[in-house]
Protein backbone atom coordinates (compact mmCIF):
# COMPACT_ATOMS: atom_id res chain seq x y z
CA UNK A 1 -85.25 -38.73 180.49
CA UNK A 2 -83.50 -37.82 177.25
CA UNK A 3 -85.33 -38.71 174.10
CA UNK A 4 -83.14 -39.94 171.28
CA UNK A 5 -84.57 -39.29 167.87
CA UNK A 6 -83.63 -42.03 165.47
CA UNK A 7 -82.81 -41.16 161.88
CA UNK A 8 -84.95 -43.13 159.45
CA UNK A 9 -83.06 -45.87 157.71
CA UNK A 10 -82.24 -45.38 154.07
CA UNK A 11 -83.96 -47.53 151.51
CA UNK A 12 -81.84 -50.65 150.88
CA UNK A 13 -81.67 -49.85 147.13
CA UNK A 14 -80.72 -46.21 147.67
CA UNK A 15 -77.36 -45.31 146.23
CA UNK A 16 -76.12 -41.74 146.39
CA UNK A 17 -73.67 -42.30 143.52
CA UNK A 18 -76.49 -43.50 141.23
CA UNK A 19 -78.54 -40.43 142.16
CA UNK A 20 -75.60 -38.15 141.40
CA UNK A 21 -75.00 -39.88 138.06
CA UNK A 22 -78.68 -39.52 137.14
CA UNK A 23 -78.64 -35.83 138.02
CA UNK A 24 -75.53 -35.27 135.89
CA UNK A 25 -77.13 -37.16 132.99
CA UNK A 26 -80.26 -35.02 133.19
CA UNK A 27 -78.16 -31.86 133.35
CA UNK A 28 -76.26 -32.88 130.22
CA UNK A 29 -79.52 -33.66 128.42
CA UNK A 30 -81.00 -30.30 129.40
CA UNK A 31 -77.92 -28.49 128.09
CA UNK A 32 -78.02 -30.47 124.84
CA UNK A 33 -81.74 -29.74 124.40
CA UNK A 34 -81.08 -26.05 125.00
CA UNK A 35 -78.44 -25.86 122.27
CA UNK A 36 -80.61 -27.99 119.97
CA UNK A 37 -83.60 -25.67 120.21
CA UNK A 38 -81.57 -22.44 120.23
CA UNK A 39 -81.31 -22.23 116.40
CA UNK A 40 -85.09 -22.70 116.10
CA UNK A 41 -85.65 -19.94 118.63
CA UNK A 42 -83.44 -17.46 116.77
CA UNK A 43 -84.95 -18.56 113.46
CA UNK A 44 -88.34 -17.41 114.70
CA UNK A 45 -86.95 -14.23 116.29
CA UNK A 46 -85.03 -13.21 113.16
CA UNK A 47 -88.15 -13.76 111.05
CA UNK A 48 -89.78 -10.87 112.92
CA UNK A 49 -86.98 -8.33 112.43
CA UNK A 50 -85.81 -6.33 109.44
CA UNK A 51 -82.58 -7.55 107.82
CA UNK A 52 -80.75 -4.46 109.07
CA UNK A 53 -81.57 -5.41 112.66
CA UNK A 54 -80.73 -9.10 112.54
CA UNK A 55 -76.94 -8.81 112.78
CA UNK A 56 -76.86 -6.37 115.68
CA UNK A 57 -74.98 -7.26 118.84
CA UNK A 58 -76.19 -8.34 121.27
CA UNK A 59 -78.78 -10.24 119.18
CA UNK A 60 -82.50 -9.66 119.66
CA UNK A 61 -84.19 -12.20 121.93
CA UNK A 62 -87.76 -10.88 121.65
CA UNK A 63 -90.01 -10.79 118.56
CA UNK A 64 -89.87 -7.66 116.41
CA UNK A 65 -92.45 -5.73 114.38
CA UNK A 66 -91.38 -6.74 110.86
CA UNK A 67 -92.94 -10.18 110.39
CA UNK A 68 -95.59 -8.94 107.95
CA UNK A 69 -93.11 -6.94 105.87
CA UNK A 70 -90.71 -9.90 105.73
CA UNK A 71 -93.53 -12.17 104.57
CA UNK A 72 -94.49 -9.62 101.90
CA UNK A 73 -90.87 -9.49 100.72
CA UNK A 74 -90.78 -13.29 100.56
CA UNK A 75 -93.92 -13.41 98.41
CA UNK A 76 -92.67 -10.63 96.15
CA UNK A 77 -89.17 -11.97 95.55
CA UNK A 78 -89.93 -15.64 94.88
CA UNK A 79 -92.84 -17.94 94.05
CA UNK A 80 -92.65 -19.44 97.53
CA UNK A 81 -95.83 -21.50 97.68
CA UNK A 82 -95.15 -23.11 94.30
CA UNK A 83 -91.67 -24.07 95.52
CA UNK A 84 -93.12 -25.28 98.80
CA UNK A 85 -95.54 -27.53 96.91
CA UNK A 86 -92.70 -28.84 94.73
CA UNK A 87 -90.71 -29.87 97.81
CA UNK A 88 -93.77 -31.44 99.41
CA UNK A 89 -94.63 -33.37 96.24
CA UNK A 90 -91.11 -34.66 95.65
CA UNK A 91 -90.63 -35.67 99.29
CA UNK A 92 -94.03 -37.36 99.65
CA UNK A 93 -93.88 -39.35 96.42
CA UNK A 94 -90.26 -40.28 97.04
CA UNK A 95 -91.02 -41.43 100.58
CA UNK A 96 -93.98 -43.60 99.54
CA UNK A 97 -92.05 -45.25 96.71
CA UNK A 98 -88.93 -45.74 98.84
CA UNK A 99 -90.85 -47.37 101.68
CA UNK A 100 -92.62 -49.72 99.25
CA UNK A 101 -89.62 -50.86 97.20
CA UNK A 102 -87.19 -51.05 100.13
CA UNK A 103 -89.72 -53.13 102.07
CA UNK A 104 -90.10 -55.41 99.06
CA UNK A 105 -86.34 -55.80 98.73
CA UNK A 106 -85.87 -56.37 102.47
CA UNK A 107 -88.64 -58.98 102.40
CA UNK A 108 -86.92 -60.86 99.56
CA UNK A 109 -83.52 -60.88 101.31
CA UNK A 110 -85.04 -61.93 104.63
CA UNK A 111 -87.55 -64.60 103.58
CA UNK A 112 -86.26 -66.15 100.38
CA UNK A 113 -83.33 -68.39 99.54
CA UNK A 114 -81.87 -67.84 96.08
CA UNK A 115 -78.57 -68.07 94.26
CA UNK A 116 -75.97 -65.40 95.13
CA UNK A 117 -78.22 -64.06 97.90
CA UNK A 118 -75.35 -63.43 100.33
CA UNK A 119 -73.18 -61.92 97.61
CA UNK A 120 -75.91 -59.53 96.51
CA UNK A 121 -76.65 -58.48 100.07
CA UNK A 122 -72.94 -57.94 100.66
CA UNK A 123 -72.91 -55.65 97.62
CA UNK A 124 -75.85 -53.74 99.09
CA UNK A 125 -73.96 -53.34 102.35
CA UNK A 126 -70.75 -52.41 100.57
CA UNK A 127 -72.47 -49.63 98.65
CA UNK A 128 -73.06 -47.89 101.98
CA UNK A 129 -69.32 -47.28 102.19
CA UNK A 130 -69.30 -45.18 99.00
CA UNK A 131 -69.78 -41.45 99.69
CA UNK A 132 -72.81 -40.10 97.88
CA UNK A 133 -70.80 -37.09 96.72
CA UNK A 134 -68.62 -39.44 94.64
CA UNK A 135 -71.55 -40.30 92.40
CA UNK A 136 -72.67 -36.79 91.50
CA UNK A 137 -71.00 -36.67 88.06
CA UNK A 138 -72.18 -40.16 86.95
CA UNK A 139 -75.62 -39.31 88.34
CA UNK A 140 -75.79 -36.15 86.24
CA UNK A 141 -74.51 -37.88 83.09
CA UNK A 142 -77.08 -40.67 83.37
CA UNK A 143 -79.93 -38.22 83.91
CA UNK A 144 -78.73 -36.16 80.96
CA UNK A 145 -78.56 -39.26 78.76
CA UNK A 146 -82.16 -40.25 79.51
CA UNK A 147 -83.48 -36.69 79.31
CA UNK A 148 -84.47 -36.22 82.94
CA UNK A 149 -82.54 -33.01 83.63
CA UNK A 150 -85.00 -30.36 84.76
CA UNK A 151 -87.68 -32.87 85.76
CA UNK A 152 -88.67 -33.37 89.44
CA UNK A 153 -88.90 -37.17 89.02
CA UNK A 154 -85.12 -37.24 88.73
CA UNK A 155 -84.95 -36.35 92.43
CA UNK A 156 -86.95 -39.28 93.77
CA UNK A 157 -87.03 -42.20 91.30
CA UNK A 158 -83.25 -43.01 91.35
CA UNK A 159 -83.33 -43.53 95.13
CA UNK A 160 -86.49 -45.55 95.62
CA UNK A 161 -84.54 -48.79 96.27
CA UNK A 162 -81.59 -47.43 98.23
CA UNK A 163 -79.16 -49.56 100.21
CA UNK A 164 -79.87 -48.20 103.69
CA UNK A 165 -83.60 -48.77 103.26
CA UNK A 166 -83.19 -52.35 102.04
CA UNK A 167 -80.72 -53.07 104.83
CA UNK A 168 -83.01 -51.64 107.51
CA UNK A 169 -86.04 -53.56 106.28
CA UNK A 170 -84.14 -56.82 105.91
CA UNK A 171 -82.75 -56.56 109.43
CA UNK A 172 -86.12 -55.73 110.92
CA UNK A 173 -87.96 -58.54 109.12
CA UNK A 174 -85.25 -61.06 110.05
CA UNK A 175 -85.36 -60.13 113.74
CA UNK A 176 -89.09 -59.53 114.21
CA UNK A 177 -91.04 -61.77 111.84
CA UNK A 178 -90.77 -65.60 111.87
CA UNK A 179 -90.61 -67.50 108.60
CA UNK A 180 -93.36 -69.78 109.86
CA UNK A 181 -95.80 -66.91 109.31
CA UNK A 182 -94.94 -66.87 105.62
CA UNK A 183 -95.25 -70.65 105.38
CA UNK A 184 -98.69 -70.51 107.01
CA UNK A 185 -99.81 -67.88 104.52
CA UNK A 186 -98.62 -70.07 101.62
CA UNK A 187 -100.59 -73.01 102.98
CA UNK A 188 -103.67 -70.77 103.06
CA UNK A 189 -103.19 -70.11 99.34
CA UNK A 190 -101.80 -66.58 99.38
CA UNK A 191 -99.67 -65.45 96.46
CA UNK A 192 -96.16 -64.19 97.18
CA UNK A 193 -97.11 -60.54 96.73
CA UNK A 194 -100.25 -61.05 98.83
CA UNK A 195 -98.06 -62.48 101.60
CA UNK A 196 -95.88 -59.40 101.50
CA UNK A 197 -98.68 -56.83 101.25
CA UNK A 198 -101.32 -58.36 103.54
CA UNK A 199 -99.23 -60.34 106.06
CA UNK A 200 -95.74 -58.87 106.33
CA UNK A 201 -96.09 -55.18 105.51
CA UNK A 202 -98.67 -54.41 108.25
CA UNK A 203 -96.15 -55.74 110.81
CA UNK A 204 -93.38 -53.37 109.70
CA UNK A 205 -94.67 -50.31 111.57
CA UNK A 206 -91.50 -49.27 113.43
CA UNK A 207 -89.22 -49.88 110.45
CA UNK A 208 -91.60 -48.12 108.06
CA UNK A 209 -91.85 -45.11 110.39
CA UNK A 210 -88.07 -44.90 110.67
CA UNK A 211 -87.46 -45.17 106.94
CA UNK A 212 -90.31 -42.78 106.11
CA UNK A 213 -89.04 -40.15 108.54
CA UNK A 214 -85.41 -40.25 107.40
CA UNK A 215 -86.39 -40.37 103.71
CA UNK A 216 -88.86 -37.49 103.93
CA UNK A 217 -86.47 -35.25 105.87
CA UNK A 218 -83.54 -36.08 103.60
CA UNK A 219 -85.57 -35.46 100.44
CA UNK A 220 -87.20 -32.27 101.72
CA UNK A 221 -83.83 -30.83 102.78
CA UNK A 222 -81.93 -31.92 99.66
CA UNK A 223 -80.12 -28.97 98.13
CA UNK A 224 -77.31 -30.55 96.08
CA UNK A 225 -79.55 -32.85 94.07
CA UNK A 226 -82.05 -30.08 93.33
CA UNK A 227 -79.23 -27.69 92.41
CA UNK A 228 -77.87 -30.19 89.86
CA UNK A 229 -81.17 -31.30 88.33
CA UNK A 230 -83.63 -28.40 88.42
CA UNK A 231 -83.19 -25.51 85.98
CA UNK A 232 -86.60 -23.86 85.69
CA UNK A 233 -87.74 -21.60 88.55
CA UNK A 234 -91.23 -23.14 88.37
CA UNK A 235 -89.74 -26.49 89.39
CA UNK A 236 -87.49 -25.13 92.17
CA UNK A 237 -87.80 -26.71 95.58
CA UNK A 238 -88.20 -24.46 98.58
CA UNK A 239 -84.49 -24.75 99.40
CA UNK A 240 -83.44 -23.46 95.97
CA UNK A 241 -86.05 -20.73 96.08
CA UNK A 242 -84.85 -19.50 99.47
CA UNK A 243 -81.26 -19.70 98.28
CA UNK A 244 -82.09 -17.29 95.45
CA UNK A 245 -82.83 -14.62 98.09
CA UNK A 246 -79.12 -14.51 98.86
CA UNK A 247 -77.08 -12.44 96.45
CA UNK A 248 -73.36 -11.75 96.22
CA UNK A 249 -73.46 -8.64 98.37
CA UNK A 250 -76.84 -8.63 100.04
CA UNK A 251 -79.43 -11.08 101.33
CA UNK A 252 -83.06 -10.84 102.37
CA UNK A 253 -82.33 -12.54 105.67
CA UNK A 254 -85.63 -11.68 107.33
CA UNK A 255 -87.63 -13.03 104.39
CA UNK A 256 -85.44 -16.14 104.32
CA UNK A 257 -86.14 -16.79 108.00
CA UNK A 258 -89.89 -16.48 107.38
CA UNK A 259 -89.61 -19.03 104.58
CA UNK A 260 -87.55 -21.38 106.74
CA UNK A 261 -90.12 -21.13 109.55
CA UNK A 262 -92.86 -22.19 107.13
CA UNK A 263 -90.73 -24.87 105.47
CA UNK A 264 -89.94 -26.59 108.76
CA UNK A 265 -93.64 -27.21 109.54
CA UNK A 266 -94.00 -30.38 107.37
CA UNK A 267 -90.89 -31.84 108.98
CA UNK A 268 -92.30 -31.28 112.47
CA UNK A 269 -95.62 -32.86 111.47
CA UNK A 270 -93.95 -35.96 109.99
CA UNK A 271 -91.71 -36.29 113.05
CA UNK A 272 -94.70 -35.99 115.40
CA UNK A 273 -96.47 -38.87 113.64
CA UNK A 274 -93.45 -41.18 113.34
CA UNK A 275 -91.28 -40.44 116.38
CA UNK A 276 -93.09 -43.02 118.54
CA UNK A 277 -91.76 -45.85 116.38
CA UNK A 278 -88.43 -44.25 115.47
CA UNK A 279 -86.30 -45.71 118.27
CA UNK A 280 -87.88 -49.16 117.97
CA UNK A 281 -87.18 -49.22 114.25
CA UNK A 282 -83.56 -48.14 114.62
CA UNK A 283 -82.95 -50.67 117.42
CA UNK A 284 -84.47 -53.50 115.43
CA UNK A 285 -82.50 -52.51 112.34
CA UNK A 286 -79.25 -52.79 114.27
CA UNK A 287 -79.81 -56.46 115.18
CA UNK A 288 -77.61 -58.80 113.23
CA UNK A 289 -79.60 -61.28 111.17
């Protein structure tokens, strides 16, 4: 008697084309992740080599022996930790103020009815079409007129109620928070600010995380604004301080890479704490109200 071995039936939902598409998608993501993390890898590697060894070909792919000497050069050439604190202060204060005032503006556009509301919100949206580079000269002239040139507050106060923040908060509140909640709070005797601060703001987690992350990173990495406003080396941000290590004919590349490795730590910490809500906030902000 001949035994016939039967091949097990495939699962009814199995589709070889879907499996192939998933594998291709994962392959593309792996390649993208590789090229995304490659600069960070070489940033760390170059921080451990002398500047004369950084530009050799093929490039070094293992850590070198010069990390301590590069760090010493960094400390000797610039006041790094003062500049690091300046960047941290400007970014933190700017982020807190931006989240507060943009949330307040988004709350007003989402929950209140007032004259010219649609026109004003259209102006907010329209301002997003204007390139920020186009406002550099007026920005400088205004700061010069009010005497803010050279002061760190000029880097965070002008942007605390920016258009993208108000738009994001308005869209999130419109899509995620019912107006009945505000009416119930009014019936309970809450003031308008109490409604915002105690009822609405605690529900804005994803939008707040998204706005805080983008604001902090943008402020911490801002070079053009700091280059225009700051004149005294004691007020330099870490970006300007590291830039001063690069001369016309030579650059302390190893020391710069050490500084960059340290400077990126706050960004990684902020991203680690806010990334969970980042996608939810961006998705909610894209919903049309």
